[in-house]
PDB file of N, CA and C in Angstrom:
ATOM      1  N   MET A   1     257.682  60.778  77.918  1.00  0.00           N
ATOM      2  CA  MET A   1     258.002  61.788  79.107  1.00  0.00           C
ATOM      3  C   MET A   1     259.244  61.685  80.056  1.00  0.00           C
ATOM      4  N   VAL A   2     260.006  63.168  80.562  1.00  0.00           N
ATOM      5  CA  VAL A   2     260.693  62.640  81.861  1.00  0.00           C
ATOM      6  C   VAL A   2     260.301  63.772  82.128  1.00  0.00           C
ATOM      7  N   VAL A   3     260.423  63.733  83.137  1.00  0.00           N
ATOM      8  CA  VAL A   3     260.612  64.672  85.070  1.00  0.00           C
ATOM      9  C   VAL A   3     261.850  63.959  85.883  1.00  0.00           C
ATOM     10  N   LEU A   4     262.302  65.344  85.851  1.00  0.00           N
ATOM     11  CA  LEU A   4     263.847  65.228  87.280  1.00  0.00           C
ATOM     12  C   LEU A   4     263.255  66.176  87.791  1.00  0.00           C
ATOM     13  N   ALA A   5     264.185  65.688  88.837  1.00  0.00           N
ATOM     14  CA  ALA A   5     263.466  66.126  90.671  1.00  0.00           C
ATOM     15  C   ALA A   5     264.613  65.269  91.059  1.00  0.00           C
ATOM     16  N   THR A   6     265.072  66.558  91.940  1.00  0.00           N
ATOM     17  CA  THR A   6     265.982  66.266  93.102  1.00  0.00           C
ATOM     18  C   THR A   6     265.658  65.741  94.238  1.00  0.00           C
ATOM     19  N   VAL A   7     265.360  64.124  95.128  1.00  0.00           N
ATOM     20  CA  VAL A   7     264.749  63.861  95.915  1.00  0.00           C
ATOM     21  C   VAL A   7     265.614  63.123  97.113  1.00  0.00           C
ATOM     22  N   GLU A   8     265.363  63.829  98.670  1.00  0.00           N
ATOM     23  CA  GLU A   8     266.176  62.848  99.683  1.00  0.00           C
ATOM     24  C   GLU A   8     265.378  62.160 100.711  1.00  0.00           C
ATOM     25  N   VAL A   9     265.322  60.842 101.111  1.00  0.00           N
ATOM     26  CA  VAL A   9     264.880  60.258 101.567  1.00  0.00           C
ATOM     27  C   VAL A   9     264.834  61.178 103.036  1.00  0.00           C
ATOM     28  N   THR A  10     263.402  61.576 104.262  1.00  0.00           N
ATOM     29  CA  THR A  10     263.911  61.793 105.640  1.00  0.00           C
ATOM     30  C   THR A  10     263.353  61.060 106.141  1.00  0.00           C
ATOM     31  N   ALA A  11     263.233  59.842 106.026  1.00  0.00           N
ATOM     32  CA  ALA A  11     263.418  59.153 107.070  1.00  0.00           C
ATOM     33  C   ALA A  11     264.593  58.736 107.249  1.00  0.00           C
ATOM     34  N   PRO A  12     264.434  57.605 108.213  1.00  0.00           N
ATOM     35  CA  PRO A  12     265.949  56.743 108.602  1.00  0.00           C
ATOM     36  C   PRO A  12     266.453  56.009 108.181  1.00  0.00           C
ATOM     37  N   GLU A  13     265.972  55.416 107.465  1.00  0.00           N
ATOM     38  CA  GLU A  13     266.509  53.801 106.601  1.00  0.00           C
ATOM     39  C   GLU A  13     266.037  54.229 105.513  1.00  0.00           C
ATOM     40  N   SER A  14     266.599  53.106 104.709  1.00  0.00           N
ATOM     41  CA  SER A  14     266.896  53.285 102.193  1.00  0.00           C
ATOM     42  C   SER A  14     265.528  52.868 102.253  1.00  0.00           C
ATOM     43  N   LEU A  15     264.845  53.452 101.371  1.00  0.00           N
ATOM     44  CA  LEU A  15     263.819  53.265 100.718  1.00  0.00           C
ATOM     45  C   LEU A  15     264.150  52.446  99.593  1.00  0.00           C
ATOM     46  N   ASN A  16     263.157  52.197  99.093  1.00  0.00           N
ATOM     47  CA  ASN A  16     262.687  51.642  97.847  1.00  0.00           C
ATOM     48  C   ASN A  16     261.600  51.267  96.612  1.00  0.00           C
ATOM     49  N   ASP A  17     261.055  53.019  97.296  1.00  0.00           N
ATOM     50  CA  ASP A  17     259.601  53.435  97.001  1.00  0.00           C
ATOM     51  C   ASP A  17     259.584  54.426  95.681  1.00  0.00           C
ATOM     52  N   THR A  18     260.925  54.265  94.355  1.00  0.00           N
ATOM     53  CA  THR A  18     260.806  55.659  93.829  1.00  0.00           C
ATOM     54  C   THR A  18     259.515  55.865  92.897  1.00  0.00           C
ATOM     55  N   ASP A  19     259.495  54.297  92.479  1.00  0.00           N
ATOM     56  CA  ASP A  19     258.113  54.807  91.763  1.00  0.00           C
ATOM     57  C   ASP A  19     256.437  55.389  92.207  1.00  0.00           C
ATOM     58  N   ASP A  20     256.484  55.746  93.050  1.00  0.00           N
ATOM     59  CA  ASP A  20     255.521  56.169  93.888  1.00  0.00           C
ATOM     60  C   ASP A  20     255.937  57.700  93.927  1.00  0.00           C
ATOM     61  N   ILE A  21     256.821  57.966  94.060  1.00  0.00           N
ATOM     62  CA  ILE A  21     257.361  59.367  94.326  1.00  0.00           C
ATOM     63  C   ILE A  21     256.660  60.781  93.113  1.00  0.00           C
ATOM     64  N   ILE A  22     256.533  60.250  92.199  1.00  0.00           N
ATOM     65  CA  ILE A  22     255.859  61.115  91.299  1.00  0.00           C
ATOM     66  C   ILE A  22     254.954  61.259  90.345  1.00  0.00           C
ATOM     67  N   ASP A  23     253.541  61.371  90.272  1.00  0.00           N
ATOM     68  CA  ASP A  23     253.077  60.773  89.403  1.00  0.00           C
ATOM     69  C   ASP A  23     252.990  62.517  87.927  1.00  0.00           C
ATOM     70  N   ILE A  24     252.033  61.912  87.003  1.00  0.00           N
ATOM     71  CA  ILE A  24     252.349  62.447  85.797  1.00  0.00           C
ATOM     72  C   ILE A  24     250.884  62.814  85.063  1.00  0.00           C
ATOM     73  N   ALA A  25     250.084  64.173  84.760  1.00  0.00           N
ATOM     74  CA  ALA A  25     248.743  63.645  84.454  1.00  0.00           C
ATOM     75  C   ALA A  25     248.512  65.301  82.844  1.00  0.00           C
ATOM     76  N   GLY A  26     247.350  64.340  82.408  1.00  0.00           N
ATOM     77  CA  GLY A  26     247.574  65.665  81.392  1.00  0.00           C
ATOM     78  C   GLY A  26     248.353  65.588  79.965  1.00  0.00           C
ATOM     79  N   VAL A  27     248.708  64.056  79.984  1.00  0.00           N
ATOM     80  CA  VAL A  27     249.173  64.007  78.610  1.00  0.00           C
ATOM     81  C   VAL A  27     248.866  62.250  78.471  1.00  0.00           C
ATOM     82  N   GLU A  28     248.328  62.758  76.885  1.00  0.00           N
ATOM     83  CA  GLU A  28     247.681  61.833  76.035  1.00  0.00           C
ATOM     84  C   GLU A  28     248.727  60.403  75.836  1.00  0.00           C
ATOM     85  N   GLY A  29     248.592  59.228  75.492  1.00  0.00           N
ATOM     86  CA  GLY A  29     248.899  58.126  75.387  1.00  0.00           C
ATOM     87  C   GLY A  29     249.534  57.970  75.894  1.00  0.00           C
ATOM     88  N   LEU A  30     250.001  58.152  77.204  1.00  0.00           N
ATOM     89  CA  LEU A  30     251.343  57.134  78.242  1.00  0.00           C
ATOM     90  C   LEU A  30     250.883  55.819  78.640  1.00  0.00           C
ATOM     91  N   VAL A  31     251.963  54.784  78.044  1.00  0.00           N
ATOM     92  CA  VAL A  31     251.911  53.251  78.265  1.00  0.00           C
ATOM     93  C   VAL A  31     251.360  53.111  79.349  1.00  0.00           C
ATOM     94  N   LYS A  32     250.884  52.600  79.877  1.00  0.00           N
ATOM     95  CA  LYS A  32     250.256  51.827  81.389  1.00  0.00           C
ATOM     96  C   LYS A  32     250.380  50.342  81.482  1.00  0.00           C
ATOM     97  N   ALA A  33     251.573  50.026  82.205  1.00  0.00           N
ATOM     98  CA  ALA A  33     251.636  48.202  82.409  1.00  0.00           C
ATOM     99  C   ALA A  33     249.255  47.734  83.122  1.00  0.00           C
ATOM    100  N   PRO A  34     249.680  46.655  82.403  1.00  0.00           N
ATOM    101  CA  PRO A  34     248.220  46.195  82.343  1.00  0.00           C
ATOM    102  C   PRO A  34     247.546  45.945  83.263  1.00  0.00           C
ATOM    103  N   ASN A  35     248.893  45.195  85.193  1.00  0.00           N
ATOM    104  CA  ASN A  35     248.597  44.691  86.083  1.00  0.00           C
ATOM    105  C   ASN A  35     248.898  45.616  87.073  1.00  0.00           C
ATOM    106  N   LEU A  36     249.119  46.729  86.785  1.00  0.00           N
ATOM    107  CA  LEU A  36     249.317  48.344  88.056  1.00  0.00           C
ATOM    108  C   LEU A  36     247.854  49.086  88.210  1.00  0.00           C
ATOM    109  N   GLU A  37     247.329  49.684  89.064  1.00  0.00           N
ATOM    110  CA  GLU A  37     247.047  50.795  89.216  1.00  0.00           C
ATOM    111  C   GLU A  37     247.090  51.850  89.208  1.00  0.00           C
ATOM    112  N   ARG A  38     247.903  52.222  89.035  1.00  0.00           N
ATOM    113  CA  ARG A  38     248.687  53.763  88.880  1.00  0.00           C
ATOM    114  C   ARG A  38     249.798  53.877  87.588  1.00  0.00           C
ATOM    115  N   LEU A  39     249.658  54.895  87.121  1.00  0.00           N
ATOM    116  CA  LEU A  39     250.295  55.070  86.276  1.00  0.00           C
ATOM    117  C   LEU A  39     251.494  55.535  86.371  1.00  0.00           C
ATOM    118  N   GLU A  40     252.964  54.034  86.536  1.00  0.00           N
ATOM    119  CA  GLU A  40     254.348  54.439  86.914  1.00  0.00           C
ATOM    120  C   GLU A  40     255.165  54.577  86.113  1.00  0.00           C
ATOM    121  N   PRO A  41     256.222  55.209  86.550  1.00  0.00           N
ATOM    122  CA  PRO A  41     257.385  55.493  85.955  1.00  0.00           C
ATOM    123  C   PRO A  41     257.819  53.997  84.906  1.00  0.00           C
ATOM    124  N   GLN A  42     257.946  54.199  83.363  1.00  0.00           N
ATOM    125  CA  GLN A  42     258.586  53.293  83.043  1.00  0.00           C
ATOM    126  C   GLN A  42     260.269  52.507  83.901  1.00  0.00           C
ATOM    127  N   TYR A  43     260.693  53.328  83.764  1.00  0.00           N
ATOM    128  CA  TYR A  43     262.256  54.068  84.241  1.00  0.00           C
ATOM    129  C   TYR A  43     262.800  55.291  85.487  1.00  0.00           C
ATOM    130  N   VAL A  44     263.589  54.595  86.373  1.00  0.00           N
ATOM    131  CA  VAL A  44     263.915  55.735  87.159  1.00  0.00           C
ATOM    132  C   VAL A  44     265.159  56.008  87.399  1.00  0.00           C
ATOM    133  N   VAL A  45     266.569  57.181  86.941  1.00  0.00           N
ATOM    134  CA  VAL A  45     267.669  56.741  86.473  1.00  0.00           C
ATOM    135  C   VAL A  45     268.318  57.717  87.655  1.00  0.00           C
ATOM    136  N   ALA A  46     269.330  57.797  88.202  1.00  0.00           N
ATOM    137  CA  ALA A  46     270.701  58.420  88.562  1.00  0.00           C
ATOM    138  C   ALA A  46     270.864  59.483  87.148  1.00  0.00           C
ATOM    139  N   LEU A  47     271.234  60.383  87.915  1.00  0.00           N
ATOM    140  CA  LEU A  47     271.176  61.274  86.360  1.00  0.00           C
ATOM    141  C   LEU A  47     273.050  61.604  86.576  1.00  0.00           C
ATOM    142  N   ARG A  48     273.731  61.328  87.552  1.00  0.00           N
ATOM    143  CA  ARG A  48     275.163  61.057  87.705  1.00  0.00           C
ATOM    144  C   ARG A  48     275.585  59.933  86.920  1.00  0.00           C
ATOM    145  N   ASP A  49     274.627  59.072  86.820  1.00  0.00           N
ATOM    146  CA  ASP A  49     275.501  57.800  86.179  1.00  0.00           C
ATOM    147  C   ASP A  49     274.546  57.385  84.964  1.00  0.00           C
ATOM    148  N   GLY A  50     273.497  57.389  85.525  1.00  0.00           N
ATOM    149  CA  GLY A  50     272.089  57.070  84.324  1.00  0.00           C
ATOM    150  C   GLY A  50     271.901  55.281  85.095  1.00  0.00           C
ATOM    151  N   VAL A  51     272.139  54.956  85.310  1.00  0.00           N
ATOM    152  CA  VAL A  51     272.044  53.567  86.640  1.00  0.00           C
ATOM    153  C   VAL A  51     270.492  53.283  86.800  1.00  0.00           C
ATOM    154  N   PRO A  52     269.669  52.900  86.674  1.00  0.00           N
ATOM    155  CA  PRO A  52     268.641  52.597  87.317  1.00  0.00           C
ATOM    156  C   PRO A  52     268.239  52.718  88.359  1.00  0.00           C
ATOM    157  N   VAL A  53     267.628  53.479  89.473  1.00  0.00           N
ATOM    158  CA  VAL A  53     267.609  54.027  91.025  1.00  0.00           C
ATOM    159  C   VAL A  53     266.050  53.194  91.425  1.00  0.00           C
ATOM    160  N   ARG A  54     266.385  52.410  92.719  1.00  0.00           N
ATOM    161  CA  ARG A  54     265.755  51.434  93.401  1.00  0.00           C
ATOM    162  C   ARG A  54     265.275  51.934  94.777  1.00  0.00           C
ATOM    163  N   TYR A  55     266.408  51.758  95.450  1.00  0.00           N
ATOM    164  CA  TYR A  55     266.982  52.161  96.845  1.00  0.00           C
ATOM    165  C   TYR A  55     267.658  53.815  96.769  1.00  0.00           C
ATOM    166  N   LEU A  56     266.741  54.336  97.159  1.00  0.00           N
ATOM    167  CA  LEU A  56     267.709  55.559  98.026  1.00  0.00           C
ATOM    168  C   LEU A  56     267.872  55.641  99.628  1.00  0.00           C
ATOM    169  N   GLN A  57     269.265  56.365  99.578  1.00  0.00           N
ATOM    170  CA  GLN A  57     269.656  56.325 101.291  1.00  0.00           C
ATOM    171  C   GLN A  57     269.514  57.778 101.891  1.00  0.00           C
ATOM    172  N   PRO A  58     268.966  57.633 102.887  1.00  0.00           N
ATOM    173  CA  PRO A  58     268.478  58.661 103.836  1.00  0.00           C
ATOM    174  C   PRO A  58     269.528  59.916 104.065  1.00  0.00           C
ATOM    175  N   ALA A  59     268.859  60.865 103.570  1.00  0.00           N
ATOM    176  CA  ALA A  59     270.041  62.034 103.967  1.00  0.00           C
ATOM    177  C   ALA A  59     271.041  62.848 102.246  1.00  0.00           C
ATOM    178  N   MET A  60     271.055  61.646 101.435  1.00  0.00           N
ATOM    179  CA  MET A  60     271.696  61.854 100.194  1.00  0.00           C
ATOM    180  C   MET A  60     270.422  62.201  99.463  1.00  0.00           C
ATOM    181  N   PRO A  61     270.615  62.895  98.714  1.00  0.00           N
ATOM    182  CA  PRO A  61     269.473  64.352  98.151  1.00  0.00           C
ATOM    183  C   PRO A  61     270.363  63.102  96.246  1.00  0.00           C
ATOM    184  N   GLU A  62     269.540  62.829  95.763  1.00  0.00           N
ATOM    185  CA  GLU A  62     269.898  62.494  95.000  1.00  0.00           C
ATOM    186  C   GLU A  62     269.061  63.040  93.532  1.00  0.00           C
ATOM    187  N   LYS A  63     270.062  63.376  92.574  1.00  0.00           N
ATOM    188  CA  LYS A  63     269.025  63.690  91.187  1.00  0.00           C
ATOM    189  C   LYS A  63     268.719  62.362  90.182  1.00  0.00           C
ATOM    190  N   LEU A  64     266.922  62.894  89.867  1.00  0.00           N
ATOM    191  CA  LEU A  64     266.785  61.382  89.110  1.00  0.00           C
ATOM    192  C   LEU A  64     265.698  61.873  88.119  1.00  0.00           C
ATOM    193  N   ALA A  65     265.582  60.721  87.495  1.00  0.00           N
ATOM    194  CA  ALA A  65     264.751  60.774  85.500  1.00  0.00           C
ATOM    195  C   ALA A  65     263.995  60.101  85.825  1.00  0.00           C
ATOM    196  N   PHE A  66     262.435  60.628  86.007  1.00  0.00           N
ATOM    197  CA  PHE A  66     261.451  59.677  85.962  1.00  0.00           C
ATOM    198  C   PHE A  66     260.946  59.786  84.306  1.00  0.00           C
ATOM    199  N   PHE A  67     261.008  58.256  83.708  1.00  0.00           N
ATOM    200  CA  PHE A  67     260.877  58.051  82.422  1.00  0.00           C
ATOM    201  C   PHE A  67     259.255  57.900  82.343  1.00  0.00           C
ATOM    202  N   TRP A  68     258.687  57.926  81.720  1.00  0.00           N
ATOM    203  CA  TRP A  68     257.088  57.600  80.834  1.00  0.00           C
ATOM    204  C   TRP A  68     257.467  57.489  79.276  1.00  0.00           C
ATOM    205  N   GLU A  69     256.682  56.045  78.865  1.00  0.00           N
ATOM    206  CA  GLU A  69     256.615  56.315  77.300  1.00  0.00           C
ATOM    207  C   GLU A  69     255.192  56.373  76.721  1.00  0.00           C
ATOM    208  N   GLN A  70     255.379  57.613  76.089  1.00  0.00           N
ATOM    209  CA  GLN A  70     254.367  58.539  75.702  1.00  0.00           C
ATOM    210  C   GLN A  70     254.159  57.270  74.100  1.00  0.00           C
ATOM    211  N   GLU A  71     253.035  56.310  73.813  1.00  0.00           N
ATOM    212  CA  GLU A  71     252.751  56.460  72.112  1.00  0.00           C
ATOM    213  C   GLU A  71     252.649  57.169  71.136  1.00  0.00           C
ATOM    214  N   SER A  72     253.953  56.643  69.909  1.00  0.00           N
ATOM    215  CA  SER A  72     254.541  57.287  68.944  1.00  0.00           C
ATOM    216  C   SER A  72     253.569  58.584  67.915  1.00  0.00           C
ATOM    217  N   THR A  73     251.980  57.536  67.963  1.00  0.00           N
ATOM    218  CA  THR A  73     250.884  58.561  67.665  1.00  0.00           C
ATOM    219  C   THR A  73     250.298  59.567  68.355  1.00  0.00           C
ATOM    220  N   ALA A  74     251.082  59.847  70.026  1.00  0.00           N
ATOM    221  CA  ALA A  74     250.201  60.275  71.013  1.00  0.00           C
ATOM    222  C   ALA A  74     250.643  61.513  70.386  1.00  0.00           C
ATOM    223  N   PRO A  75     250.179  63.314  70.333  1.00  0.00           N
ATOM    224  CA  PRO A  75     250.427  64.216  69.949  1.00  0.00           C
ATOM    225  C   PRO A  75     251.027  64.756  71.410  1.00  0.00           C
ATOM    226  N   VAL A  76     252.597  65.565  71.458  1.00  0.00           N
ATOM    227  CA  VAL A  76     253.181  66.392  72.469  1.00  0.00           C
ATOM    228  C   VAL A  76     252.456  67.537  72.895  1.00  0.00           C
ATOM    229  N   PRO A  77     251.862  67.165  74.394  1.00  0.00           N
ATOM    230  CA  PRO A  77     251.511  68.696  75.283  1.00  0.00           C
ATOM    231  C   PRO A  77     252.311  69.491  74.864  1.00  0.00           C
ATOM    232  N   THR A  78     251.555  70.940  75.380  1.00  0.00           N
ATOM    233  CA  THR A  78     252.213  71.846  75.734  1.00  0.00           C
ATOM    234  C   THR A  78     252.597  71.792  77.148  1.00  0.00           C
ATOM    235  N   GLU A  79     251.585  71.191  78.088  1.00  0.00           N
ATOM    236  CA  GLU A  79     252.269  71.568  79.524  1.00  0.00           C
ATOM    237  C   GLU A  79     251.116  69.605  80.241  1.00  0.00           C
ATOM    238  N   MET A  80     251.968  69.274  81.330  1.00  0.00           N
ATOM    239  CA  MET A  80     251.549  68.135  81.651  1.00  0.00           C
ATOM    240  C   MET A  80     251.808  68.654  83.186  1.00  0.00           C
ATOM    241  N   THR A  81     250.333  68.338  84.091  1.00  0.00           N
ATOM    242  CA  THR A  81     250.918  68.146  86.052  1.00  0.00           C
ATOM    243  C   THR A  81     251.017  67.501  86.436  1.00  0.00           C
ATOM    244  N   VAL A  82     252.144  67.800  87.114  1.00  0.00           N
ATOM    245  CA  VAL A  82     253.505  66.681  88.060  1.00  0.00           C
ATOM    246  C   VAL A  82     253.010  67.355  89.318  1.00  0.00           C
ATOM    247  N   THR A  83     252.731  65.612  90.265  1.00  0.00           N
ATOM    248  CA  THR A  83     252.456  65.517  91.317  1.00  0.00           C
ATOM    249  C   THR A  83     253.389  65.170  92.342  1.00  0.00           C
ATOM    250  N   VAL A  84     254.134  65.194  93.646  1.00  0.00           N
ATOM    251  CA  VAL A  84     254.884  65.149  94.226  1.00  0.00           C
ATOM    252  C   VAL A  84     254.212  64.009  95.379  1.00  0.00           C
ATOM    253  N   ASN A  85     254.831  63.222  95.517  1.00  0.00           N
ATOM    254  CA  ASN A  85     253.068  62.126  96.322  1.00  0.00           C
ATOM    255  C   ASN A  85     254.014  61.817  97.752  1.00  0.00           C
ATOM    256  N   LYS A  86     253.551  62.008  99.112  1.00  0.00           N
ATOM    257  CA  LYS A  86     253.763  61.497 100.409  1.00  0.00           C
ATOM    258  C   LYS A  86     253.600  60.085 100.951  1.00  0.00           C
ATOM    259  N   LYS A  87     253.581  59.799 101.770  1.00  0.00           N
ATOM    260  CA  LYS A  87     253.771  58.521 102.467  1.00  0.00           C
ATOM    261  C   LYS A  87     253.138  59.107 103.861  1.00  0.00           C
ATOM    262  N   THR A  88     252.686  57.940 104.391  1.00  0.00           N
ATOM    263  CA  THR A  88     252.502  58.479 106.348  1.00  0.00           C
ATOM    264  C   THR A  88     253.242  57.081 106.657  1.00  0.00           C
ATOM    265  N   TYR A  89     254.238  56.926 108.021  1.00  0.00           N
ATOM    266  CA  TYR A  89     254.704  56.108 108.670  1.00  0.00           C
ATOM    267  C   TYR A  89     253.775  56.035 110.038  1.00  0.00           C
ATOM    268  N   ARG A  90     253.498  54.402 109.380  1.00  0.00           N
ATOM    269  CA  ARG A  90     251.836  54.124 110.441  1.00  0.00           C
ATOM    270  C   ARG A  90     251.904  52.851 111.127  1.00  0.00           C
ATOM    271  N   VAL A  91     251.425  52.128 111.922  1.00  0.00           N
ATOM    272  CA  VAL A  91     251.374  50.577 111.693  1.00  0.00           C
ATOM    273  C   VAL A  91     250.191  50.846 110.894  1.00  0.00           C
ATOM    274  N   ASP A  92     250.509  49.577 110.137  1.00  0.00           N
ATOM    275  CA  ASP A  92     249.957  48.518 108.937  1.00  0.00           C
ATOM    276  C   ASP A  92     248.626  47.795 110.502  1.00  0.00           C
ATOM    277  N   SER A  93     247.352  48.704 110.150  1.00  0.00           N
ATOM    278  CA  SER A  93     246.026  47.900 110.753  1.00  0.00           C
ATOM    279  C   SER A  93     246.171  46.313 110.482  1.00  0.00           C
ATOM    280  N   LEU A  94     246.736  45.978 109.151  1.00  0.00           N
ATOM    281  CA  LEU A  94     246.817  44.138 109.040  1.00  0.00           C
ATOM    282  C   LEU A  94     247.787  43.712 109.529  1.00  0.00           C
ATOM    283  N   ALA A  95     248.463  44.637 109.219  1.00  0.00           N
ATOM    284  CA  ALA A  95     249.842  43.468 109.584  1.00  0.00           C
ATOM    285  C   ALA A  95     250.730  43.806 111.419  1.00  0.00           C
ATOM    286  N   GLY A  96     249.900  44.612 111.228  1.00  0.00           N
ATOM    287  CA  GLY A  96     250.535  45.153 112.766  1.00  0.00           C
ATOM    288  C   GLY A  96     251.779  45.434 112.527  1.00  0.00           C
ATOM    289  N   HIS A  97     252.274  45.747 112.072  1.00  0.00           N
ATOM    290  CA  HIS A  97     253.968  46.543 111.675  1.00  0.00           C
ATOM    291  C   HIS A  97     254.176  48.332 111.617  1.00  0.00           C
ATOM    292  N   LYS A  98     255.042  48.518 111.380  1.00  0.00           N
ATOM    293  CA  LYS A  98     254.734  50.424 110.977  1.00  0.00           C
ATOM    294  C   LYS A  98     255.809  49.783 109.782  1.00  0.00           C
ATOM    295  N   ALA A  99     254.999  50.745 108.397  1.00  0.00           N
ATOM    296  CA  ALA A  99     255.400  50.927 107.181  1.00  0.00           C
ATOM    297  C   ALA A  99     255.003  51.851 107.234  1.00  0.00           C
ATOM    298  N   TRP A 100     255.513  52.575 105.405  1.00  0.00           N
ATOM    299  CA  TRP A 100     255.101  53.708 104.975  1.00  0.00           C
ATOM    300  C   TRP A 100     253.532  53.546 103.704  1.00  0.00           C
ATOM    301  N   LEU A 101     252.656  53.917 104.337  1.00  0.00           N
ATOM    302  CA  LEU A 101     251.000  53.476 103.685  1.00  0.00           C
ATOM    303  C   LEU A 101     250.870  55.125 103.378  1.00  0.00           C
ATOM    304  N   ASP A 102     249.744  54.886 102.797  1.00  0.00           N
ATOM    305  CA  ASP A 102     248.594  55.809 102.587  1.00  0.00           C
ATOM    306  C   ASP A 102     248.906  57.218 101.481  1.00  0.00           C
ATOM    307  N   LEU A 103     249.783  56.880 100.072  1.00  0.00           N
ATOM    308  CA  LEU A 103     250.539  57.229  99.435  1.00  0.00           C
ATOM    309  C   LEU A 103     249.097  58.204  98.849  1.00  0.00           C
ATOM    310  N   GLU A 104     249.500  59.285  98.805  1.00  0.00           N
ATOM    311  CA  GLU A 104     248.739  60.255  98.643  1.00  0.00           C
ATOM    312  C   GLU A 104     249.557  62.218  98.303  1.00  0.00           C
ATOM    313  N   PRO A 105     249.243  63.013  97.518  1.00  0.00           N
ATOM    314  CA  PRO A 105     249.847  63.828  96.932  1.00  0.00           C
ATOM    315  C   PRO A 105     250.349  65.324  98.181  1.00  0.00           C
ATOM    316  N   ARG A 106     251.550  65.659  97.571  1.00  0.00           N
ATOM    317  CA  ARG A 106     252.007  66.347  98.711  1.00  0.00           C
ATOM    318  C   ARG A 106     251.775  68.021  97.718  1.00  0.00           C
ATOM    319  N   ALA A 107     252.198  67.497  96.805  1.00  0.00           N
ATOM    320  CA  ALA A 107     252.135  69.023  96.035  1.00  0.00           C
ATOM    321  C   ALA A 107     252.075  68.613  94.274  1.00  0.00           C
ATOM    322  N   GLU A 108     251.192  69.601  93.889  1.00  0.00           N
ATOM    323  CA  GLU A 108     250.827  70.014  92.596  1.00  0.00           C
ATOM    324  C   GLU A 108     251.196  71.193  91.637  1.00  0.00           C
ATOM    325  N   LEU A 109     251.734  70.616  90.672  1.00  0.00           N
ATOM    326  CA  LEU A 109     252.430  71.821  89.505  1.00  0.00           C
ATOM    327  C   LEU A 109     252.012  71.194  88.632  1.00  0.00           C
ATOM    328  N   THR A 110     251.598  72.644  87.500  1.00  0.00           N
ATOM    329  CA  THR A 110     251.699  72.589  86.100  1.00  0.00           C
ATOM    330  C   THR A 110     252.838  72.966  85.467  1.00  0.00           C
ATOM    331  N   VAL A 111     253.675  72.428  84.620  1.00  0.00           N
ATOM    332  CA  VAL A 111     254.451  72.814  84.406  1.00  0.00           C
ATOM    333  C   VAL A 111     254.890  72.480  82.472  1.00  0.00           C
ATOM    334  N   PRO A 112     255.474  73.940  81.077  1.00  0.00           N
ATOM    335  CA  PRO A 112     255.407  73.228  80.566  1.00  0.00           C
ATOM    336  C   PRO A 112     256.579  72.250  79.792  1.00  0.00           C
ATOM    337  N   ILE A 113     255.859  71.745  78.851  1.00  0.00           N
ATOM    338  CA  ILE A 113     256.774  70.395  77.791  1.00  0.00           C
ATOM    339  C   ILE A 113     257.750  71.221  76.990  1.00  0.00           C
ATOM    340  N   GLU A 114     258.939  71.422  77.075  1.00  0.00           N
ATOM    341  CA  GLU A 114     260.049  71.312  75.956  1.00  0.00           C
ATOM    342  C   GLU A 114     260.139  70.620  74.587  1.00  0.00           C
ATOM    343  N   ASP A 115     259.698  70.443  73.247  1.00  0.00           N
ATOM    344  CA  ASP A 115     259.391  68.880  72.701  1.00  0.00           C
ATOM    345  C   ASP A 115     261.186  69.444  72.300  1.00  0.00           C
ATOM    346  N   ARG A 116     261.777  68.070  72.662  1.00  0.00           N
ATOM    347  CA  ARG A 116     263.237  68.470  72.057  1.00  0.00           C
ATOM    348  C   ARG A 116     263.184  67.188  70.878  1.00  0.00           C
ATOM    349  N   ARG A 117     262.444  67.222  70.320  1.00  0.00           N
ATOM    350  CA  ARG A 117     262.941  66.179  68.571  1.00  0.00           C
ATOM    351  C   ARG A 117     263.500  66.462  68.064  1.00  0.00           C
ATOM    352  N   GLY A 118     264.338  65.377  67.930  1.00  0.00           N
ATOM    353  CA  GLY A 118     265.435  65.913  66.452  1.00  0.00           C
ATOM    354  C   GLY A 118     265.953  67.246  67.096  1.00  0.00           C
ATOM    355  N   LYS A 119     266.521  67.628  68.590  1.00  0.00           N
ATOM    356  CA  LYS A 119     267.421  68.476  68.660  1.00  0.00           C
ATOM    357  C   LYS A 119     268.584  67.567  69.213  1.00  0.00           C
TER     358      LYS A 119
END
């Protein structure tokens, strides 16, 4: 599964949390890394050059592709739920310094899926 999105960092510093930006649901057979709590994309790449993205710069919108692997035996769904997440910049109560914390949904939408296999 692939989700295309234009992402812009509104914080004053570069961020390296691209795996947290988008979540998907409603798709059978997605492959999850065994040591992760959430289903994160396997890859996030920049559409301009196909290079994997780790850091995004402030005020520089970037068109990204988020990739999740689906088991080959799983059916192709007709739609899925895409969640755009947000974080809050606050003092970490354990470490005492400010950080981007509290990952939570900001927006959610149901989108149709176009099966492009063999095209």
